[in-house]
Protein backbone atom coordinates (compact mmCIF):
# COMPACT_ATOMS: atom_id res chain seq x y z
CA MET A 1 -0.01 0.00 -0.02
CA PHE A 2 2.71 2.46 1.01
CA GLY A 3 4.77 2.01 -2.16
CA PRO A 4 6.04 4.54 -4.72
CA GLU A 5 2.57 5.18 -6.14
CA PHE A 6 1.19 5.96 -2.69
CA LEU A 7 4.06 8.38 -1.98
CA GLN A 8 3.52 10.09 -5.31
CA ARG A 9 -0.21 10.55 -4.56
CA ALA A 10 0.63 11.76 -1.04
CA VAL A 11 3.01 14.42 -2.39
CA ILE A 12 0.90 15.53 -5.39
CA TRP A 13 -2.73 14.77 -4.54
CA GLY A 14 -2.58 15.13 -0.76
CA PRO A 15 -1.86 18.90 -0.59
CA VAL A 16 -4.32 19.61 -3.44
CA ILE A 17 -7.12 17.72 -1.68
CA LEU A 18 -6.34 19.44 1.61
CA LEU A 19 -6.39 22.89 -0.02
CA SER A 20 -9.54 22.12 -1.97
CA LEU A 21 -11.42 20.92 1.14
CA THR A 22 -10.19 23.91 3.13
CA VAL A 23 -11.36 26.42 0.50
CA HIS A 24 -14.71 24.57 0.23
CA GLU A 25 -15.40 24.83 3.96
CA PHE A 26 -14.06 28.37 4.23
CA PHE A 27 -16.52 29.62 1.64
CA HIS A 28 -19.42 27.90 3.40
CA ALA A 29 -18.38 29.82 6.52
CA TRP A 30 -17.84 33.07 4.59
CA ALA A 31 -21.25 32.87 2.88
CA ALA A 32 -22.99 32.17 6.21
CA TYR A 33 -21.19 35.20 7.74
CA LYS A 34 -22.29 37.42 4.85
CA PHE A 35 -25.88 36.34 5.42
CA GLY A 36 -25.67 37.27 9.11
CA ASP A 37 -24.67 34.01 10.83
CA ASN A 38 -21.36 34.23 12.69
CA THR A 39 -21.53 30.72 14.20
CA ALA A 40 -18.68 29.37 12.09
CA ALA A 41 -16.63 32.52 12.62
CA ARG A 42 -17.00 32.23 16.41
CA MET A 43 -15.90 28.61 16.23
CA GLY A 44 -12.74 29.47 14.30
CA ARG A 45 -13.95 28.05 10.99
CA LEU A 46 -13.82 31.33 8.99
CA THR A 47 -10.17 30.63 8.15
CA LEU A 48 -7.99 29.13 5.43
CA ASN A 49 -5.99 27.21 8.06
CA PRO A 50 -6.46 23.55 7.08
CA LEU A 51 -6.10 22.37 10.67
CA ALA A 52 -9.38 24.10 11.56
CA HIS A 53 -11.26 22.04 9.00
CA LEU A 54 -9.66 18.60 9.24
CA GLU A 55 -11.88 15.78 10.48
CA LEU A 56 -10.02 12.82 11.98
CA PHE A 57 -11.96 9.95 10.41
CA GLY A 58 -12.21 11.75 7.06
CA THR A 59 -8.45 12.23 7.05
CA ILE A 60 -7.83 8.57 7.91
CA VAL A 61 -10.13 7.50 5.06
CA MET A 62 -8.28 9.89 2.75
CA VAL A 63 -4.93 8.23 3.54
CA MET A 64 -6.30 4.69 3.47
CA SER A 65 -8.00 5.29 0.08
CA GLN A 66 -4.66 6.55 -1.28
CA PHE A 67 -6.01 10.09 -1.55
CA THR A 68 -8.99 9.24 -3.70
CA PHE A 69 -11.70 9.98 -1.13
CA GLY A 70 -12.04 11.92 2.10
CA TRP A 71 -13.84 14.79 3.78
CA ALA A 72 -13.51 17.71 6.17
CA LYS A 73 -15.63 18.81 9.15
CA PRO A 74 -18.96 20.34 8.05
CA VAL A 75 -19.18 24.05 8.83
CA PRO A 76 -21.83 24.75 11.53
CA VAL A 77 -24.58 27.07 10.29
CA ASN A 78 -27.48 28.49 12.27
CA LEU A 79 -30.01 29.65 9.70
CA SER A 80 -32.13 31.34 12.37
CA ASN A 81 -29.42 34.00 12.55
CA THR A 82 -29.77 34.85 8.85
CA ARG A 83 -31.97 37.50 7.35
CA ASN A 84 -33.61 35.15 4.85
CA PRO A 85 -33.05 31.48 5.90
CA ARG A 86 -34.30 29.97 2.65
CA VAL A 87 -32.12 32.11 0.38
CA ALA A 88 -29.22 31.87 2.84
CA ASP A 89 -29.36 28.07 2.88
CA ILE A 90 -29.23 27.94 -0.92
CA TRP A 91 -26.25 30.25 -1.20
CA VAL A 92 -24.34 28.94 1.81
CA SER A 93 -24.73 25.42 0.44
CA ALA A 94 -23.75 26.47 -3.10
CA ALA A 95 -20.73 28.46 -1.92
CA GLY A 96 -18.58 25.36 -1.32
CA PRO A 97 -19.08 23.72 -4.74
CA LEU A 98 -18.81 27.13 -6.49
CA SER A 99 -15.49 27.74 -4.74
CA ASN A 100 -14.22 24.40 -6.05
CA ILE A 101 -15.30 25.28 -9.60
CA GLY A 102 -13.36 28.54 -9.17
CA MET A 103 -10.27 26.65 -8.00
CA ALA A 104 -10.51 24.23 -10.95
CA LEU A 105 -10.89 27.16 -13.34
CA ILE A 106 -7.80 28.88 -11.91
CA ALA A 107 -5.75 25.68 -12.22
CA GLY A 108 -7.03 25.15 -15.77
CA ILE A 109 -6.20 28.73 -16.80
CA ILE A 110 -2.66 28.39 -15.43
CA TYR A 111 -2.31 25.10 -17.30
CA GLN A 112 -3.44 26.72 -20.53
CA VAL A 113 -1.40 29.92 -20.11
CA VAL A 114 1.82 28.11 -19.30
CA GLY A 115 1.14 25.65 -22.07
CA THR A 116 1.75 21.93 -22.33
CA THR A 117 5.03 22.48 -24.19
CA ALA A 118 6.51 24.58 -21.36
CA LEU A 119 5.26 21.99 -18.88
CA GLU A 120 6.93 19.03 -20.58
CA GLY A 121 10.02 19.27 -18.37
CA GLN A 122 7.96 20.15 -15.27
CA GLN A 123 6.10 16.93 -14.59
CA PRO A 124 5.32 17.67 -10.91
CA LEU A 125 3.79 21.03 -11.83
CA THR A 126 1.77 19.40 -14.60
CA GLN A 127 0.48 16.81 -12.13
CA ILE A 128 -0.41 19.43 -9.53
CA LEU A 129 -2.36 21.56 -12.00
CA THR A 130 -4.12 18.51 -13.43
CA ALA A 131 -4.97 17.32 -9.91
CA GLY A 132 -6.21 20.81 -9.09
CA VAL A 133 -8.67 20.67 -11.99
CA TYR A 134 -9.92 17.10 -11.53
CA ILE A 135 -10.10 17.11 -7.71
CA ASN A 136 -11.98 20.39 -7.48
CA ILE A 137 -14.44 19.51 -10.21
CA THR A 138 -15.04 16.15 -8.57
CA LEU A 139 -15.68 17.82 -5.21
CA ALA A 140 -18.07 20.31 -6.74
CA VAL A 141 -20.03 17.75 -8.77
CA PHE A 142 -20.14 15.19 -5.96
CA ASN A 143 -21.36 17.72 -3.40
CA MET A 144 -24.18 18.80 -5.70
CA ILE A 145 -25.76 15.33 -5.50
CA PRO A 146 -29.17 16.03 -3.93
CA ILE A 147 -28.79 13.43 -1.18
CA PHE A 148 -28.48 14.44 2.50
CA PRO A 149 -26.08 15.57 3.93
CA LEU A 150 -24.51 16.86 0.70
CA ASP A 151 -24.88 20.49 -0.38
CA GLY A 152 -27.18 19.60 -3.27
CA SER A 153 -29.81 18.30 -0.87
CA HIS A 154 -30.01 21.69 0.88
CA ILE A 155 -30.35 23.51 -2.43
CA LEU A 156 -33.03 21.13 -3.75
CA ARG A 157 -34.99 21.24 -0.50
CA ASN A 158 -35.35 25.01 -0.72
CA LEU A 159 -36.46 24.89 -4.34
CA LEU A 160 -39.19 22.29 -3.80
CA PRO A 161 -42.85 22.92 -2.88
CA PRO A 162 -43.97 21.88 0.62
CA GLN A 163 -44.94 18.35 -0.42
CA GLY A 164 -41.51 17.82 -1.96
CA LYS A 165 -39.84 18.96 1.25
CA LEU A 166 -41.92 16.46 3.28
CA ALA A 167 -40.82 13.68 0.91
CA MET A 168 -37.19 14.71 1.38
CA ASP A 169 -37.65 14.74 5.17
CA ARG A 170 -38.78 11.11 5.04
CA PHE A 171 -35.95 10.13 2.70
CA ASP A 172 -33.30 11.92 4.77
CA ARG A 173 -33.52 9.23 7.45
CA PHE A 174 -32.07 6.73 5.01
CA ALA A 175 -30.14 9.12 2.77
CA PRO A 176 -26.67 8.68 4.37
CA ILE A 177 -26.93 4.89 3.99
CA VAL A 178 -28.01 5.25 0.38
CA LEU A 179 -25.11 7.62 -0.27
CA ILE A 180 -22.59 5.22 1.26
CA LEU A 181 -23.96 2.38 -0.89
CA LEU A 182 -23.69 4.50 -4.02
CA ILE A 183 -20.07 5.38 -3.17
CA VAL A 184 -19.02 1.82 -2.26
CA THR A 185 -20.59 0.36 -5.40
CA ARG A 186 -19.01 3.21 -7.46
CA VAL A 187 -22.39 4.11 -8.94
CA THR A 188 -21.60 7.75 -8.19
CA TRP A 189 -18.43 7.61 -10.32
CA VAL A 190 -20.22 5.85 -13.21
CA VAL A 191 -22.80 8.66 -13.27
CA LEU A 192 -20.60 11.62 -12.41
CA GLY A 193 -17.37 10.53 -14.12
CA PRO A 194 -18.40 11.66 -17.62
CA ILE A 195 -19.43 15.07 -16.25
CA VAL A 196 -16.09 15.46 -14.46
CA PHE A 197 -14.06 14.50 -17.54
CA PHE A 198 -16.12 16.76 -19.78
CA MET A 199 -15.69 19.78 -17.52
CA ALA A 200 -11.98 19.04 -16.98
CA GLY A 201 -11.48 18.91 -20.73
CA LEU A 202 -13.10 22.34 -21.06
CA PHE A 203 -11.05 23.88 -18.28
CA MET A 204 -7.75 22.47 -19.51
CA GLY A 205 -8.40 23.16 -23.17
CA LEU A 206 -8.11 19.51 -24.16
């Protein structure tokens, strides 16, 4: 397990995943603060310090999966502190995935500006930029799945009529189990993989 491939992933993918998760959670906290909720800020989560966002089990899973899967601590949000809870929930939830799209776009622009020719002798830099695109797009697309507790479920809930919300409330009791099954059976990657590769191709000019 801890061979050359693992070490390469640890050096290249590890820091990129850590940065991507940190930015994701920071923007959840920032959006909540902008809408009037300072819960995350008071708990020290309105920061780009990765240590504030690391979750022990999520980090262990990240290492054991050879940096292909992991998670950070969810940012605490108290919607009752916001001026418009429904709108706030939509934008606070969307802020994380949108920040990852922004990170992927930045990495893709750098990749295109520098150019593949100039990067031929800079394999580590090529790998970091490529990882920056793919990891951030994957995080954004995955988190938009409308299954609790992912960000997409919060967005969908606030766009549905009352009957739809009640149906989601009933489903939410089983949603985490369903999500785990979808991940373990790789159904999520079969469905989301083409989207990730398509967007990565656009961002990197492939």
